[in-house]
Amino acid sequence: MIAMLFGQLKHVSPETAIVAVGGVGFEVSIPRSTYEALPAVGEEVFLHTHLHLREEDLRLFGFATAEEKRLFSLLISLPKVGVKTALDVLSTHSVSQFRRIVHQGDLARLTQVPGVGRKTAERMMFELKERLEQLPEPVEARKRAVVGEDRFEEAVQGLIYLGCKYPVAVRAVQRALDQAGPDAPVEELIREGLKHRSA
């Protein structure tokens, strides 16, 4: 099983990446969240991967974080939830957002996912509520809890205004919290976060 890839990013689109590893180019299907976190073409990239085999369909899926991969695997284990729906979930909501949506029973936000109607959303919530609790909480969720949802998001939006993509801004604020501490004002988190944009 191919559990991860580390190589040079040769091509990328919102749905697909090609990673060259040891002279072999691996085509990987990705969600939009991973696309937004990828480096520029030609740079090194690390992806968590899931090899999916169904009858004659062999596909490799790639994810920027282990949390995304675990949620994808959990979603496709549900009845009548295929790989396209699982990718659409990750392209629409972050892992932390999805956990909150399920925990709060927010059908309106879950049906924002393309192809997920009310009945599918209700079934997913019923199947996932307890199983999601068994998954490790993402680092992002723990950091948000420490500093407070509003202050965390304000710092993230500040970095986005300064040119960062959302996933990069989230990681930068997480690292800024490690350096500046949970009591640091938003302005300091933004300043510290700027130092970690490429970390």
Foldseek 3Di string as FASTA:
>chain_A
DDFKDKAFWADDDQFWTWGADPNDTAIAGEANVQRQVDDDHGDIAMWGWDWDDDPPDTHIHTDRDPLLVVQLVVQCVDPPRHNVQSSLQVNQDPSVRVLVCLQVVPQVSSVVRPPQDSVNSVSCSVVPNVVVVPDDDDLLVVLCVLQPVVLLVVLLVVVVVVPGGNVLSSVLLSVLCVVVPSPDGSVSSNVSSVVRSPD
